Amino acid sequence: MHKSVTTSYFADIDARNHSAWKIFDSVRGAFSEGGPAFPGAKIEMKSHIQICIRNLNCIKGFFIPREEMSFPIRP
């Protein structure tokens, strides 16, 4: 879908110097998996959201996760 939108966008730019097509910077998808979290629940055990950042200029920063440590920490 995004390839088709991008192709149409640039074709319009070349032909008319503008386009009504919108290029998406990011996309989000919701996934429900794993069956109900408990009997009668509408939430599933492994529900999660995934994002895809298409325009890397949208990423303002990132972090590298620390190694796990035991908690609570003994004095």
PDB file of N, CA and C in Angstrom:
ATOM      1  N   MET A   1       0.819  -1.177   0.000  1.00  0.00           N
ATOM      2  CA  MET A   1       0.000   0.000   0.000  1.00  0.00           C
ATOM      3  C   MET A   1       0.875   1.258   0.000  1.00  0.00           C
ATOM      4  N   HIS A   2       1.880   1.284   0.877  1.00  0.00           N
ATOM      5  CA  HIS A   2       2.713   2.487   0.964  1.00  0.00           C
ATOM      6  C   HIS A   2       3.509   2.707  -0.316  1.00  0.00           C
ATOM      7  N   LYS A   3       3.937   1.627  -0.952  1.00  0.00           N
ATOM      8  CA  LYS A   3       4.661   1.765  -2.217  1.00  0.00           C
ATOM      9  C   LYS A   3       3.750   2.380  -3.281  1.00  0.00           C
ATOM     10  N   SER A   4       2.500   1.940  -3.320  1.00  0.00           N
ATOM     11  CA  SER A   4       1.535   2.476  -4.281  1.00  0.00           C
ATOM     12  C   SER A   4       1.258   3.959  -4.018  1.00  0.00           C
ATOM     13  N   VAL A   5       1.081   4.321  -2.748  1.00  0.00           N
ATOM     14  CA  VAL A   5       0.841   5.720  -2.385  1.00  0.00           C
ATOM     15  C   VAL A   5       2.047   6.577  -2.758  1.00  0.00           C
ATOM     16  N   THR A   6       3.244   6.106  -2.446  1.00  0.00           N
ATOM     17  CA  THR A   6       4.464   6.855  -2.753  1.00  0.00           C
ATOM     18  C   THR A   6       4.627   7.037  -4.258  1.00  0.00           C
ATOM     19  N   THR A   7       4.368   5.980  -5.023  1.00  0.00           N
ATOM     20  CA  THR A   7       4.461   6.067  -6.489  1.00  0.00           C
ATOM     21  C   THR A   7       3.465   7.095  -7.018  1.00  0.00           C
ATOM     22  N   SER A   8       2.231   7.058  -6.527  1.00  0.00           N
ATOM     23  CA  SER A   8       1.205   8.013  -6.965  1.00  0.00           C
ATOM     24  C   SER A   8       1.570   9.433  -6.560  1.00  0.00           C
ATOM     25  N   TYR A   9       2.116   9.593  -5.368  1.00  0.00           N
ATOM     26  CA  TYR A   9       2.527  10.913  -4.876  1.00  0.00           C
ATOM     27  C   TYR A   9       3.561  11.534  -5.815  1.00  0.00           C
ATOM     28  N   PHE A  10       4.627  10.779  -6.125  1.00  0.00           N
ATOM     29  CA  PHE A  10       5.674  11.332  -6.978  1.00  0.00           C
ATOM     30  C   PHE A  10       5.217  11.516  -8.421  1.00  0.00           C
ATOM     31  N   ALA A  11       4.306  10.677  -8.897  1.00  0.00           N
ATOM     32  CA  ALA A  11       3.754  10.859 -10.240  1.00  0.00           C
ATOM     33  C   ALA A  11       2.981  12.179 -10.306  1.00  0.00           C
ATOM     34  N   ASP A  12       2.193  12.475  -9.265  1.00  0.00           N
ATOM     35  CA  ASP A  12       1.476  13.756  -9.215  1.00  0.00           C
ATOM     36  C   ASP A  12       2.436  14.933  -9.141  1.00  0.00           C
ATOM     37  N   ILE A  13       3.466  14.815  -8.336  1.00  0.00           N
ATOM     38  CA  ILE A  13       4.450  15.899  -8.208  1.00  0.00           C
ATOM     39  C   ILE A  13       5.081  16.177  -9.569  1.00  0.00           C
ATOM     40  N   ASP A  14       5.472  15.122 -10.269  1.00  0.00           N
ATOM     41  CA  ASP A  14       6.087  15.294 -11.589  1.00  0.00           C
ATOM     42  C   ASP A  14       5.118  15.910 -12.593  1.00  0.00           C
ATOM     43  N   ALA A  15       3.847  15.516 -12.525  1.00  0.00           N
ATOM     44  CA  ALA A  15       2.860  15.983 -13.503  1.00  0.00           C
ATOM     45  C   ALA A  15       2.287  17.359 -13.171  1.00  0.00           C
ATOM     46  N   ARG A  16       2.031  17.613 -11.867  1.00  0.00           N
ATOM     47  CA  ARG A  16       1.297  18.836 -11.503  1.00  0.00           C
ATOM     48  C   ARG A  16       1.991  19.718 -10.473  1.00  0.00           C
ATOM     49  N   ASN A  17       3.167  19.311 -10.017  1.00  0.00           N
ATOM     50  CA  ASN A  17       3.920  20.043  -8.986  1.00  0.00           C
ATOM     51  C   ASN A  17       3.249  20.039  -7.610  1.00  0.00           C
ATOM     52  N   HIS A  18       2.214  19.252  -7.432  1.00  0.00           N
ATOM     53  CA  HIS A  18       1.601  19.066  -6.115  1.00  0.00           C
ATOM     54  C   HIS A  18       0.854  17.737  -6.122  1.00  0.00           C
ATOM     55  N   SER A  19       0.477  17.288  -4.926  1.00  0.00           N
ATOM     56  CA  SER A  19      -0.242  16.024  -4.830  1.00  0.00           C
ATOM     57  C   SER A  19      -1.193  16.048  -3.639  1.00  0.00           C
ATOM     58  N   ALA A  20      -2.337  15.408  -3.802  1.00  0.00           N
ATOM     59  CA  ALA A  20      -3.294  15.256  -2.710  1.00  0.00           C
ATOM     60  C   ALA A  20      -2.983  14.004  -1.889  1.00  0.00           C
ATOM     61  N   TRP A  21      -2.097  13.148  -2.406  1.00  0.00           N
ATOM     62  CA  TRP A  21      -1.722  11.933  -1.675  1.00  0.00           C
ATOM     63  C   TRP A  21      -0.939  12.304  -0.426  1.00  0.00           C
ATOM     64  N   LYS A  22      -1.161  11.580   0.660  1.00  0.00           N
ATOM     65  CA  LYS A  22      -0.458  11.816   1.923  1.00  0.00           C
ATOM     66  C   LYS A  22       0.536  10.691   2.161  1.00  0.00           C
ATOM     67  N   ILE A  23       1.766  11.081   2.445  1.00  0.00           N
ATOM     68  CA  ILE A  23       2.821  10.121   2.765  1.00  0.00           C
ATOM     69  C   ILE A  23       2.832   9.955   4.291  1.00  0.00           C
ATOM     70  N   PHE A  24       2.736   8.733   4.769  1.00  0.00           N
ATOM     71  CA  PHE A  24       2.707   8.473   6.206  1.00  0.00           C
ATOM     72  C   PHE A  24       4.125   8.352   6.754  1.00  0.00           C
ATOM     73  N   ASP A  25       4.373   9.028   7.884  1.00  0.00           N
ATOM     74  CA  ASP A  25       5.659   8.934   8.569  1.00  0.00           C
ATOM     75  C   ASP A  25       5.764   7.645   9.378  1.00  0.00           C
ATOM     76  N   SER A  26       4.626   7.190   9.873  1.00  0.00           N
ATOM     77  CA  SER A  26       4.630   6.000  10.715  1.00  0.00           C
ATOM     78  C   SER A  26       3.305   5.253  10.567  1.00  0.00           C
ATOM     79  N   VAL A  27       3.325   4.006  10.947  1.00  0.00           N
ATOM     80  CA  VAL A  27       2.117   3.184  10.962  1.00  0.00           C
ATOM     81  C   VAL A  27       2.079   2.395  12.261  1.00  0.00           C
ATOM     82  N   ARG A  28       0.877   2.098  12.714  1.00  0.00           N
ATOM     83  CA  ARG A  28       0.690   1.372  13.957  1.00  0.00           C
ATOM     84  C   ARG A  28      -0.286   0.234  13.698  1.00  0.00           C
ATOM     85  N   GLY A  29      -0.004  -0.901  14.300  1.00  0.00           N
ATOM     86  CA  GLY A  29      -0.903  -2.040  14.171  1.00  0.00           C
ATOM     87  C   GLY A  29      -1.163  -2.660  15.523  1.00  0.00           C
ATOM     88  N   ALA A  30      -2.418  -3.031  15.769  1.00  0.00           N
ATOM     89  CA  ALA A  30      -2.793  -3.699  17.016  1.00  0.00           C
ATOM     90  C   ALA A  30      -2.996  -5.180  16.727  1.00  0.00           C
ATOM     91  N   PHE A  31      -2.452  -6.020  17.572  1.00  0.00           N
ATOM     92  CA  PHE A  31      -2.526  -7.465  17.396  1.00  0.00           C
ATOM     93  C   PHE A  31      -3.082  -8.108  18.654  1.00  0.00           C
ATOM     94  N   SER A  32      -4.109  -8.924  18.490  1.00  0.00           N
ATOM     95  CA  SER A  32      -4.706  -9.661  19.603  1.00  0.00           C
ATOM     96  C   SER A  32      -4.352 -11.128  19.435  1.00  0.00           C
ATOM     97  N   GLU A  33      -3.690 -11.683  20.431  1.00  0.00           N
ATOM     98  CA  GLU A  33      -3.254 -13.072  20.359  1.00  0.00           C
ATOM     99  C   GLU A  33      -3.369 -13.730  21.723  1.00  0.00           C
ATOM    100  N   GLY A  34      -3.383 -15.039  21.716  1.00  0.00           N
ATOM    101  CA  GLY A  34      -3.238 -15.809  22.947  1.00  0.00           C
ATOM    102  C   GLY A  34      -4.512 -16.185  23.665  1.00  0.00           C
ATOM    103  N   GLY A  35      -5.657 -15.797  23.171  1.00  0.00           N
ATOM    104  CA  GLY A  35      -6.899 -16.138  23.848  1.00  0.00           C
ATOM    105  C   GLY A  35      -7.202 -15.197  24.997  1.00  0.00           C
ATOM    106  N   PRO A  36      -8.410 -15.269  25.537  1.00  0.00           N
ATOM    107  CA  PRO A  36      -8.817 -14.347  26.606  1.00  0.00           C
ATOM    108  C   PRO A  36      -7.866 -14.379  27.808  1.00  0.00           C
ATOM    109  N   ALA A  37      -7.618 -13.204  28.394  1.00  0.00           N
ATOM    110  CA  ALA A  37      -6.734 -13.090  29.557  1.00  0.00           C
ATOM    111  C   ALA A  37      -7.345 -13.802  30.766  1.00  0.00           C
ATOM    112  N   PHE A  38      -8.673 -13.838  30.835  1.00  0.00           N
ATOM    113  CA  PHE A  38      -9.401 -14.576  31.872  1.00  0.00           C
ATOM    114  C   PHE A  38     -10.791 -14.849  31.317  1.00  0.00           C
ATOM    115  N   PRO A  39     -11.523 -15.781  31.881  1.00  0.00           N
ATOM    116  CA  PRO A  39     -12.837 -16.127  31.334  1.00  0.00           C
ATOM    117  C   PRO A  39     -13.746 -14.903  31.187  1.00  0.00           C
ATOM    118  N   GLY A  40     -14.284 -14.722  29.999  1.00  0.00           N
ATOM    119  CA  GLY A  40     -15.186 -13.601  29.733  1.00  0.00           C
ATOM    120  C   GLY A  40     -14.481 -12.311  29.359  1.00  0.00           C
ATOM    121  N   ALA A  41     -13.155 -12.292  29.372  1.00  0.00           N
ATOM    122  CA  ALA A  41     -12.400 -11.071  29.071  1.00  0.00           C
ATOM    123  C   ALA A  41     -12.450 -10.760  27.581  1.00  0.00           C
ATOM    124  N   LYS A  42     -12.428  -9.490  27.256  1.00  0.00           N
ATOM    125  CA  LYS A  42     -12.309  -9.046  25.869  1.00  0.00           C
ATOM    126  C   LYS A  42     -10.854  -8.719  25.533  1.00  0.00           C
ATOM    127  N   ILE A  43      -9.978  -8.761  26.529  1.00  0.00           N
ATOM    128  CA  ILE A  43      -8.544  -8.529  26.343  1.00  0.00           C
ATOM    129  C   ILE A  43      -7.866  -9.889  26.226  1.00  0.00           C
ATOM    130  N   GLU A  44      -6.988 -10.028  25.246  1.00  0.00           N
ATOM    131  CA  GLU A  44      -6.304 -11.304  25.074  1.00  0.00           C
ATOM    132  C   GLU A  44      -4.937 -11.281  25.733  1.00  0.00           C
ATOM    133  N   MET A  45      -4.412 -12.470  26.054  1.00  0.00           N
ATOM    134  CA  MET A  45      -3.189 -12.591  26.852  1.00  0.00           C
ATOM    135  C   MET A  45      -1.958 -11.965  26.193  1.00  0.00           C
ATOM    136  N   LYS A  46      -1.864 -12.028  24.897  1.00  0.00           N
ATOM    137  CA  LYS A  46      -0.658 -11.538  24.229  1.00  0.00           C
ATOM    138  C   LYS A  46      -0.955 -10.361  23.306  1.00  0.00           C
ATOM    139  N   SER A  47      -1.956  -9.555  23.634  1.00  0.00           N
ATOM    140  CA  SER A  47      -2.263  -8.379  22.828  1.00  0.00           C
ATOM    141  C   SER A  47      -1.089  -7.409  22.885  1.00  0.00           C
ATOM    142  N   HIS A  48      -0.782  -6.803  21.747  1.00  0.00           N
ATOM    143  CA  HIS A  48       0.315  -5.849  21.721  1.00  0.00           C
ATOM    144  C   HIS A  48       0.172  -4.906  20.535  1.00  0.00           C
ATOM    145  N   ILE A  49       0.926  -3.848  20.575  1.00  0.00           N
ATOM    146  CA  ILE A  49       0.953  -2.844  19.518  1.00  0.00           C
ATOM    147  C   ILE A  49       2.336  -2.876  18.886  1.00  0.00           C
ATOM    148  N   GLN A  50       2.382  -2.791  17.562  1.00  0.00           N
ATOM    149  CA  GLN A  50       3.655  -2.661  16.861  1.00  0.00           C
ATOM    150  C   GLN A  50       3.622  -1.362  16.068  1.00  0.00           C
ATOM    151  N   ILE A  51       4.769  -0.699  16.015  1.00  0.00           N
ATOM    152  CA  ILE A  51       4.866   0.513  15.202  1.00  0.00           C
ATOM    153  C   ILE A  51       5.972   0.336  14.177  1.00  0.00           C
ATOM    154  N   CYS A  52       5.814   1.017  13.073  1.00  0.00           N
ATOM    155  CA  CYS A  52       6.842   1.055  12.033  1.00  0.00           C
ATOM    156  C   CYS A  52       7.082   2.523  11.702  1.00  0.00           C
ATOM    157  N   ILE A  53       8.276   2.993  11.959  1.00  0.00           N
ATOM    158  CA  ILE A  53       8.644   4.363  11.638  1.00  0.00           C
ATOM    159  C   ILE A  53       9.233   4.359  10.232  1.00  0.00           C
ATOM    160  N   ARG A  54       8.540   4.981   9.309  1.00  0.00           N
ATOM    161  CA  ARG A  54       8.973   5.000   7.913  1.00  0.00           C
ATOM    162  C   ARG A  54       9.908   6.177   7.642  1.00  0.00           C
ATOM    163  N   ASN A  55       9.689   7.288   8.341  1.00  0.00           N
ATOM    164  CA  ASN A  55      10.515   8.478   8.171  1.00  0.00           C
ATOM    165  C   ASN A  55      11.449   8.564   9.375  1.00  0.00           C
ATOM    166  N   LEU A  56      12.711   8.234   9.172  1.00  0.00           N
ATOM    167  CA  LEU A  56      13.663   8.193  10.288  1.00  0.00           C
ATOM    168  C   LEU A  56      13.885   9.555  10.938  1.00  0.00           C
ATOM    169  N   ASN A  57      13.477  10.649  10.273  1.00  0.00           N
ATOM    170  CA  ASN A  57      13.578  11.974  10.887  1.00  0.00           C
ATOM    171  C   ASN A  57      12.614  12.126  12.062  1.00  0.00           C
ATOM    172  N   CYS A  58      11.660  11.219  12.199  1.00  0.00           N
ATOM    173  CA  CYS A  58      10.716  11.256  13.319  1.00  0.00           C
ATOM    174  C   CYS A  58      11.349  10.740  14.610  1.00  0.00           C
ATOM    175  N   ILE A  59      12.437  10.032  14.520  1.00  0.00           N
ATOM    176  CA  ILE A  59      13.087   9.481  15.704  1.00  0.00           C
ATOM    177  C   ILE A  59      13.998  10.542  16.294  1.00  0.00           C
ATOM    178  N   LYS A  60      13.639  11.022  17.468  1.00  0.00           N
ATOM    179  CA  LYS A  60      14.391  12.094  18.114  1.00  0.00           C
ATOM    180  C   LYS A  60      15.474  11.562  19.040  1.00  0.00           C
ATOM    181  N   GLY A  61      15.384  10.318  19.418  1.00  0.00           N
ATOM    182  CA  GLY A  61      16.378   9.717  20.296  1.00  0.00           C
ATOM    183  C   GLY A  61      16.023   8.269  20.559  1.00  0.00           C
ATOM    184  N   PHE A  62      16.938   7.550  21.156  1.00  0.00           N
ATOM    185  CA  PHE A  62      16.699   6.176  21.524  1.00  0.00           C
ATOM    186  C   PHE A  62      17.589   5.836  22.705  1.00  0.00           C
ATOM    187  N   PHE A  63      17.332   4.725  23.330  1.00  0.00           N
ATOM    188  CA  PHE A  63      18.166   4.306  24.446  1.00  0.00           C
ATOM    189  C   PHE A  63      18.536   2.849  24.265  1.00  0.00           C
ATOM    190  N   ILE A  64      19.616   2.487  24.886  1.00  0.00           N
ATOM    191  CA  ILE A  64      20.039   1.099  24.903  1.00  0.00           C
ATOM    192  C   ILE A  64      19.666   0.553  26.273  1.00  0.00           C
ATOM    193  N   PRO A  65      18.813  -0.465  26.316  1.00  0.00           N
ATOM    194  CA  PRO A  65      18.387  -0.990  27.620  1.00  0.00           C
ATOM    195  C   PRO A  65      19.577  -1.468  28.460  1.00  0.00           C
ATOM    196  N   ARG A  66      19.500  -1.213  29.760  1.00  0.00           N
ATOM    197  CA  ARG A  66      20.531  -1.687  30.679  1.00  0.00           C
ATOM    198  C   ARG A  66      20.380  -3.177  30.885  1.00  0.00           C
ATOM    199  N   GLU A  67      21.439  -3.781  31.371  1.00  0.00           N
ATOM    200  CA  GLU A  67      21.357  -5.190  31.751  1.00  0.00           C
ATOM    201  C   GLU A  67      20.461  -5.307  32.977  1.00  0.00           C
ATOM    202  N   GLU A  68      19.768  -6.434  33.070  1.00  0.00           N
ATOM    203  CA  GLU A  68      18.915  -6.648  34.232  1.00  0.00           C
ATOM    204  C   GLU A  68      19.777  -6.815  35.476  1.00  0.00           C
ATOM    205  N   MET A  69      19.214  -6.382  36.604  1.00  0.00           N
ATOM    206  CA  MET A  69      19.895  -6.558  37.873  1.00  0.00           C
ATOM    207  C   MET A  69      18.874  -7.068  38.877  1.00  0.00           C
ATOM    208  N   SER A  70      19.329  -7.689  39.942  1.00  0.00           N
ATOM    209  CA  SER A  70      18.396  -8.204  40.920  1.00  0.00           C
ATOM    210  C   SER A  70      17.745  -7.046  41.668  1.00  0.00           C
ATOM    211  N   PHE A  71      16.492  -7.217  41.991  1.00  0.00           N
ATOM    212  CA  PHE A  71      15.744  -6.178  42.673  1.00  0.00           C
ATOM    213  C   PHE A  71      14.905  -6.840  43.739  1.00  0.00           C
ATOM    214  N   PRO A  72      14.796  -6.355  44.931  1.00  0.00           N
ATOM    215  CA  PRO A  72      15.441  -5.152  45.420  1.00  0.00           C
ATOM    216  C   PRO A  72      16.939  -5.362  45.643  1.00  0.00           C
ATOM    217  N   ILE A  73      17.642  -4.255  45.643  1.00  0.00           N
ATOM    218  CA  ILE A  73      19.089  -4.307  45.834  1.00  0.00           C
ATOM    219  C   ILE A  73      19.385  -4.337  47.329  1.00  0.00           C
ATOM    220  N   ARG A  74      20.223  -5.281  47.740  1.00  0.00           N
ATOM    221  CA  ARG A  74      20.601  -5.370  49.158  1.00  0.00           C
ATOM    222  C   ARG A  74      21.593  -4.254  49.477  1.00  0.00           C
ATOM    223  N   PRO A  75      21.409  -3.612  50.645  1.00  0.00           N
ATOM    224  CA  PRO A  75      22.359  -2.542  51.038  1.00  0.00           C
ATOM    225  C   PRO A  75      23.718  -3.102  51.397  1.00  0.00           C
TER     226      PRO A  75
END
